[in-house]
Amino acid sequence: MNGRAERYVEALSPELDCFLAEFFPRRKWRSRVQYDHRAHRFFLDVIVRDAELIDDDRFLSLLAFYGRGQRTALRERVGLELQCRLFSTEGADLTPRLRTAEDAYAASGGGSAMGRRIAWLGFRQRLVRHLIPRSLLWAATIVLLVLVFGLSVTDAVLLCCLAVLAQTTLVLALSRRR
């Protein structure tokens, strides 16, 4: 195997980690790449630490989506085979559940349905992780400015808008320096 193939394969597990971590907490699963010299095949193993993920169709669908794309890319770019496998922490082989998700992915037309599903999951994650907490923080800030400091609601909202504008300007200035 040449250096290009080795670098590509070494990046599989960290790329999967980044991809899935956007949707599911990293503590619930882990991944590794193994090579079988006899079969001349790579295995991307995912070990599920949380029993809820085993039955979560979204997790299996995302894993099938990633595995299918990487299998095609690895075959075309490097000429090697890749197989995704799923295991429980006890070592039970859960790969048939992953195959069921892959079959459902292929039957649904693949890309468009999965693209919508990933977009929806991403929106939900951003909503729960970022938008709602930040909105609550700004609402609490406005309440604090009105009740404690005695500002009018209009002045408090204007002050918050100025703070957001100043923060945006600062972030843009810092990003240009890099």
Protein backbone atom coordinates (compact mmCIF):
# COMPACT_ATOMS: atom_id res chain seq x y z
CA MET A 1 0.00 0.00 0.00
CA ASN A 2 1.41 3.41 -0.96
CA GLY A 3 1.68 6.51 1.25
CA ARG A 4 -1.39 8.13 -0.27
CA ALA A 5 -3.53 5.12 0.57
CA GLU A 6 -2.16 4.98 4.12
CA ARG A 7 -2.97 8.66 4.75
CA TYR A 8 -6.46 8.24 3.33
CA VAL A 9 -7.19 5.20 5.46
CA GLU A 10 -5.71 6.72 8.63
CA ALA A 11 -8.10 9.67 8.23
CA LEU A 12 -11.22 7.46 8.06
CA SER A 13 -11.78 7.05 11.79
CA PRO A 14 -11.19 10.73 12.73
CA GLU A 15 -13.41 11.86 9.84
CA LEU A 16 -16.19 9.54 10.99
CA ASP A 17 -15.74 10.84 14.52
CA CYS A 18 -16.16 14.45 13.35
CA PHE A 19 -19.12 13.54 11.13
CA LEU A 20 -21.08 11.60 13.74
CA ALA A 21 -20.11 13.85 16.65
CA GLU A 22 -22.13 16.63 15.04
CA PHE A 23 -25.26 14.59 15.74
CA PHE A 24 -24.50 12.13 18.54
CA PRO A 25 -22.34 12.57 21.67
CA ARG A 26 -18.89 11.03 21.29
CA ARG A 27 -19.15 9.20 24.62
CA LYS A 28 -21.84 6.91 23.19
CA TRP A 29 -19.63 5.28 20.53
CA ARG A 30 -16.08 4.97 19.23
CA SER A 31 -14.52 3.92 15.95
CA ARG A 32 -11.35 2.27 14.69
CA VAL A 33 -9.89 1.12 11.39
CA GLN A 34 -8.44 -2.36 10.95
CA TYR A 35 -6.76 -4.02 7.98
CA ASP A 36 -7.10 -7.67 7.02
CA HIS A 37 -3.99 -8.59 5.02
CA ARG A 38 -5.41 -11.88 3.78
CA ALA A 39 -8.58 -10.36 2.35
CA HIS A 40 -6.84 -7.10 1.37
CA ARG A 41 -9.73 -5.21 2.97
CA PHE A 42 -10.17 -2.46 5.53
CA PHE A 43 -12.75 -2.59 8.26
CA LEU A 44 -14.22 0.53 9.79
CA ASP A 45 -15.49 -0.71 13.15
CA VAL A 46 -17.90 1.27 15.27
CA ILE A 47 -18.34 0.17 18.86
CA VAL A 48 -21.59 1.38 20.40
CA ARG A 49 -21.27 2.20 24.09
CA ASP A 50 -24.92 3.22 24.56
CA ALA A 51 -27.67 0.67 23.95
CA GLU A 52 -30.04 3.43 22.76
CA LEU A 53 -27.89 4.00 19.67
CA ILE A 54 -28.23 0.39 18.60
CA ASP A 55 -31.95 0.95 18.02
CA ASP A 56 -31.63 4.54 16.76
CA ASP A 57 -32.43 4.52 13.06
CA ARG A 58 -30.86 7.97 12.63
CA PHE A 59 -27.50 6.78 13.94
CA LEU A 60 -27.54 3.67 11.77
CA SER A 61 -28.60 5.68 8.71
CA LEU A 62 -25.80 8.21 9.18
CA LEU A 63 -23.27 5.44 9.68
CA ALA A 64 -24.52 3.65 6.56
CA PHE A 65 -24.40 6.92 4.60
CA TYR A 66 -20.80 7.61 5.66
CA GLY A 67 -19.67 4.03 5.10
CA ARG A 68 -21.18 3.82 1.64
CA GLY A 69 -19.53 7.08 0.56
CA GLN A 70 -16.13 6.11 1.95
CA ARG A 71 -16.34 2.62 0.46
CA THR A 72 -16.91 4.11 -2.99
CA ALA A 73 -14.18 6.72 -2.56
CA LEU A 74 -11.63 4.22 -1.26
CA ARG A 75 -12.36 1.81 -4.11
CA GLU A 76 -12.04 4.55 -6.77
CA ARG A 77 -9.04 6.43 -5.34
CA VAL A 78 -6.94 3.67 -3.85
CA GLY A 79 -8.35 0.42 -5.18
CA LEU A 80 -9.01 -1.07 -1.75
CA GLU A 81 -12.19 -2.44 -0.22
CA LEU A 82 -13.78 -1.05 2.92
CA GLN A 83 -16.43 -2.68 5.06
CA CYS A 84 -18.23 -1.01 7.96
CA ARG A 85 -19.02 -3.13 10.97
CA LEU A 86 -21.02 -2.39 14.10
CA PHE A 87 -20.35 -3.93 17.52
CA SER A 88 -21.68 -3.58 21.02
CA THR A 89 -19.28 -2.99 23.92
CA GLU A 90 -19.67 -6.67 24.82
CA GLY A 91 -18.40 -7.62 21.35
CA ALA A 92 -21.72 -8.69 19.84
CA ASP A 93 -21.76 -8.23 16.06
CA LEU A 94 -24.55 -5.78 15.16
CA THR A 95 -23.54 -5.43 11.52
CA PRO A 96 -26.82 -6.93 10.21
CA ARG A 97 -28.65 -3.91 11.66
CA LEU A 98 -26.25 -1.68 9.78
CA ARG A 99 -26.89 -3.63 6.56
CA THR A 100 -30.63 -3.11 7.05
CA ALA A 101 -30.03 0.64 7.31
CA GLU A 102 -27.85 0.53 4.17
CA ASP A 103 -30.58 -1.31 2.27
CA ALA A 104 -33.17 1.24 3.42
CA TYR A 105 -30.81 4.03 2.33
CA ALA A 106 -30.41 2.49 -1.12
CA ALA A 107 -34.14 1.82 -1.47
CA SER A 108 -35.07 5.40 -0.56
CA GLY A 109 -33.08 6.84 -3.44
CA GLY A 110 -30.00 7.52 -1.36
CA GLY A 111 -28.69 11.03 -1.49
CA SER A 112 -31.77 13.24 -1.49
CA ALA A 113 -33.54 11.52 1.39
CA MET A 114 -30.35 11.32 3.43
CA GLY A 115 -29.53 14.93 2.64
CA ARG A 116 -32.89 16.01 4.04
CA ARG A 117 -32.40 13.84 7.09
CA ILE A 118 -28.91 15.24 7.77
CA ALA A 119 -30.19 18.80 7.27
CA TRP A 120 -33.02 18.19 9.75
CA LEU A 121 -30.68 16.62 12.32
CA GLY A 122 -28.23 19.49 11.91
CA PHE A 123 -30.99 22.05 12.36
CA ARG A 124 -32.23 20.30 15.48
CA GLN A 125 -28.73 20.17 16.95
CA ARG A 126 -28.09 23.86 16.25
CA LEU A 127 -31.48 24.74 17.69
CA VAL A 128 -30.93 22.81 20.92
CA ARG A 129 -27.21 23.51 21.38
CA HIS A 130 -26.99 27.12 20.22
CA LEU A 131 -30.15 29.02 19.36
CA ILE A 132 -32.33 28.23 22.39
CA PRO A 133 -29.58 28.73 25.02
CA ARG A 134 -28.44 31.99 23.42
CA SER A 135 -32.01 33.26 23.14
CA LEU A 136 -32.59 32.48 26.81
CA LEU A 137 -29.35 34.25 27.71
CA TRP A 138 -30.36 37.39 25.80
CA ALA A 139 -33.85 37.31 27.32
CA ALA A 140 -32.33 37.04 30.81
CA THR A 141 -30.00 39.93 29.97
CA ILE A 142 -32.90 42.12 28.88
CA VAL A 143 -34.87 41.23 32.02
CA LEU A 144 -31.82 42.04 34.15
CA LEU A 145 -31.33 45.40 32.44
CA VAL A 146 -35.00 46.31 32.84
CA LEU A 147 -35.61 45.09 36.39
CA VAL A 148 -32.26 45.68 38.07
CA PHE A 149 -30.85 48.68 36.20
CA GLY A 150 -34.20 50.31 35.46
CA LEU A 151 -33.77 50.73 31.71
CA SER A 152 -36.80 50.73 29.47
CA VAL A 153 -37.40 47.63 27.35
CA THR A 154 -36.57 49.60 24.20
CA ASP A 155 -33.25 50.81 25.66
CA ALA A 156 -32.38 47.30 26.89
CA VAL A 157 -33.05 45.77 23.44
CA LEU A 158 -31.06 48.56 21.77
CA LEU A 159 -28.15 47.97 24.16
CA CYS A 160 -28.23 44.23 23.40
CA CYS A 161 -28.26 44.93 19.66
CA LEU A 162 -25.24 47.19 20.05
CA ALA A 163 -23.48 44.45 22.03
CA VAL A 164 -24.14 41.92 19.23
CA LEU A 165 -22.89 44.41 16.63
CA ALA A 166 -19.71 45.05 18.65
CA GLN A 167 -19.14 41.31 19.06
CA THR A 168 -19.62 40.70 15.34
CA THR A 169 -17.21 43.51 14.46
CA LEU A 170 -14.61 42.13 16.86
CA VAL A 171 -14.93 38.58 15.51
CA LEU A 172 -14.61 39.79 11.90
CA ALA A 173 -11.55 41.91 12.76
CA LEU A 174 -9.86 38.98 14.49
CA SER A 175 -10.64 36.55 11.66
CA ARG A 176 -9.11 38.92 9.08
CA ARG A 177 -5.82 39.00 11.01
CA ARG A 178 -5.47 35.23 10.70
